[in-house]
Amino acid sequence: MSVLARASAEALREHLADVPPLPAHRRLKGPDTGLVMLRGRAGGDGTAFNLMEATVTRCTVSMGEHMGHATVMGRDLAQAELAAAIDAALQNPELRDALMASVVEPLAASQDSARAETARKAEATRVNFFTMATMR
């Protein structure tokens, strides 16, 4: 689900072109946009504090006997509905393998590649600071 939530609506549509059309779905809730509070911790493991609010869009759909849910960052209603529809379709054993191979796995690979590229660029700018107690 995290792969679907991070993918744009365009990327989801592009990868869905490789599989048979999804069965019709019915909206049960949303898509609607709201705010969530993001929390942080001082030093990574210290006292929790409210860091900021983030805009999210959520949607719940029904596809036959399966229900799909999605919550995505931002205000893209189509992205939330499409991710929820794919979530419901993934619960169908007849569709699962095709969706995993054509949608989820390629999206996960491209997201991992983008994350590695960002890490590589950040590593190139790293500055290592060190102190010497005896320096004076």
Protein backbone atom coordinates (compact mmCIF):
# COMPACT_ATOMS: atom_id res chain seq x y z
CA MET A 1 0.00 0.00 0.00
CA SER A 2 2.88 2.39 0.67
CA VAL A 3 4.06 1.96 -2.94
CA LEU A 4 0.59 2.88 -4.24
CA ALA A 5 0.31 5.83 -1.84
CA ARG A 6 3.63 7.30 -3.03
CA ALA A 7 2.89 6.84 -6.76
CA SER A 8 1.22 9.64 -8.70
CA ALA A 9 -2.14 9.11 -10.40
CA GLU A 10 -0.38 9.34 -13.78
CA ALA A 11 2.11 6.62 -12.83
CA LEU A 12 -0.70 4.39 -11.58
CA ARG A 13 -2.66 4.86 -14.81
CA GLU A 14 0.44 4.23 -16.92
CA HIS A 15 1.16 0.91 -15.21
CA LEU A 16 -2.50 -0.14 -15.25
CA ALA A 17 -2.42 0.05 -19.05
CA ASP A 18 -0.49 -3.25 -19.02
CA VAL A 19 -3.25 -5.22 -17.25
CA PRO A 20 -6.89 -5.97 -18.11
CA PRO A 21 -9.31 -3.24 -16.95
CA LEU A 22 -10.14 -3.28 -13.26
CA PRO A 23 -13.67 -4.34 -12.29
CA ALA A 24 -16.06 -1.48 -11.56
CA HIS A 25 -15.87 -0.08 -8.05
CA ARG A 26 -18.23 1.94 -5.90
CA ARG A 27 -17.10 4.77 -3.63
CA LEU A 28 -17.96 4.12 0.00
CA LYS A 29 -16.19 7.13 1.49
CA GLY A 30 -14.51 10.07 -0.15
CA PRO A 31 -12.25 10.86 -1.72
CA ASP A 32 -11.93 13.68 0.74
CA THR A 33 -9.07 15.91 1.81
CA GLY A 34 -8.07 16.75 5.36
CA LEU A 35 -5.15 17.35 7.67
CA VAL A 36 -3.11 15.00 9.84
CA MET A 37 -0.65 15.97 12.55
CA LEU A 38 2.89 14.77 11.97
CA ARG A 39 4.81 14.00 15.13
CA GLY A 40 8.52 13.98 15.70
CA ARG A 41 10.86 12.91 18.48
CA ALA A 42 13.74 14.94 19.85
CA GLY A 43 16.92 13.10 18.91
CA GLY A 44 14.94 10.29 17.30
CA ASP A 45 13.98 8.62 20.58
CA GLY A 46 13.19 11.49 22.93
CA THR A 47 9.95 13.16 23.88
CA ALA A 48 7.36 13.30 21.11
CA PHE A 49 6.22 16.68 19.84
CA ASN A 50 3.83 17.98 17.18
CA LEU A 51 5.98 18.84 14.19
CA MET A 52 3.48 20.11 11.60
CA GLU A 53 0.25 19.36 9.80
CA ALA A 54 0.15 17.66 6.40
CA THR A 55 -2.61 17.55 3.81
CA VAL A 56 -3.83 14.05 2.97
CA THR A 57 -6.59 12.62 0.81
CA ARG A 58 -8.34 9.38 1.69
CA CYS A 59 -10.78 7.15 -0.11
CA THR A 60 -12.56 3.85 0.49
CA VAL A 61 -14.08 1.84 -2.35
CA SER A 62 -15.96 -1.41 -2.73
CA MET A 63 -15.20 -3.79 -5.57
CA GLY A 64 -17.55 -6.74 -5.30
CA GLU A 65 -16.80 -8.44 -2.01
CA HIS A 66 -13.49 -6.61 -1.53
CA MET A 67 -12.92 -3.21 0.05
CA GLY A 68 -9.95 -0.99 -0.73
CA HIS A 69 -8.60 1.89 1.32
CA ALA A 70 -6.02 4.54 0.50
CA THR A 71 -4.58 7.60 2.20
CA VAL A 72 -2.17 9.67 0.12
CA MET A 73 -0.22 12.84 0.80
CA GLY A 74 -1.56 15.91 -0.94
CA ARG A 75 -4.87 16.80 -2.56
CA ASP A 76 -5.01 14.48 -5.57
CA LEU A 77 -8.50 12.95 -5.40
CA ALA A 78 -7.91 10.75 -8.46
CA GLN A 79 -4.72 9.31 -6.94
CA ALA A 80 -6.52 8.35 -3.72
CA GLU A 81 -9.44 6.74 -5.53
CA LEU A 82 -7.22 4.85 -7.95
CA ALA A 83 -4.95 3.60 -5.16
CA ALA A 84 -8.01 2.41 -3.21
CA ALA A 85 -9.37 0.64 -6.31
CA ILE A 86 -6.03 -1.11 -6.85
CA ASP A 87 -5.98 -2.08 -3.16
CA ALA A 88 -9.40 -3.71 -3.55
CA ALA A 89 -8.35 -5.44 -6.78
CA LEU A 90 -5.20 -6.81 -5.13
CA GLN A 91 -7.43 -8.73 -2.72
CA ASN A 92 -8.92 -10.65 -5.65
CA PRO A 93 -6.75 -13.77 -6.19
CA GLU A 94 -7.48 -13.71 -9.94
CA LEU A 95 -6.08 -10.18 -10.35
CA ARG A 96 -3.36 -10.12 -7.69
CA ASP A 97 -0.45 -11.66 -9.63
CA ALA A 98 -0.98 -9.50 -12.72
CA LEU A 99 -1.28 -6.33 -10.64
CA MET A 100 1.78 -7.15 -8.58
CA ALA A 101 3.88 -7.85 -11.68
CA SER A 102 2.65 -4.92 -13.79
CA VAL A 103 1.90 -2.22 -11.23
CA VAL A 104 3.29 -2.68 -7.73
CA GLU A 105 6.71 -4.21 -8.44
CA PRO A 106 7.70 -1.75 -11.23
CA LEU A 107 6.55 1.20 -9.11
CA ALA A 108 8.49 -0.12 -6.10
CA ALA A 109 11.62 -0.51 -8.22
CA SER A 110 11.37 3.03 -9.62
CA GLN A 111 10.74 4.45 -6.13
CA ASP A 112 13.76 2.57 -4.76
CA SER A 113 15.87 3.85 -7.64
CA ALA A 114 14.76 7.45 -7.02
CA ARG A 115 15.49 7.08 -3.29
CA ALA A 116 18.97 5.68 -4.03
CA GLU A 117 19.68 8.56 -6.43
CA THR A 118 18.63 11.11 -3.81
CA ALA A 119 20.84 9.38 -1.23
CA ARG A 120 23.77 9.36 -3.66
CA LYS A 121 23.41 13.10 -4.28
CA ALA A 122 23.13 13.82 -0.57
CA GLU A 123 26.19 11.69 0.19
CA ALA A 124 28.25 13.74 -2.26
CA THR A 125 27.63 16.84 -0.15
CA ARG A 126 28.28 15.22 3.24
CA VAL A 127 30.69 16.99 5.53
CA ASN A 128 32.28 14.95 8.32
CA PHE A 129 32.92 16.99 11.40
CA PHE A 130 35.15 15.75 14.16
CA THR A 131 36.69 17.27 17.24
CA MET A 132 39.97 16.68 18.91
CA ALA A 133 40.03 17.16 22.66
CA THR A 134 43.75 17.91 22.71
CA MET A 135 43.73 20.59 20.03
CA ARG A 136 44.73 24.04 21.35
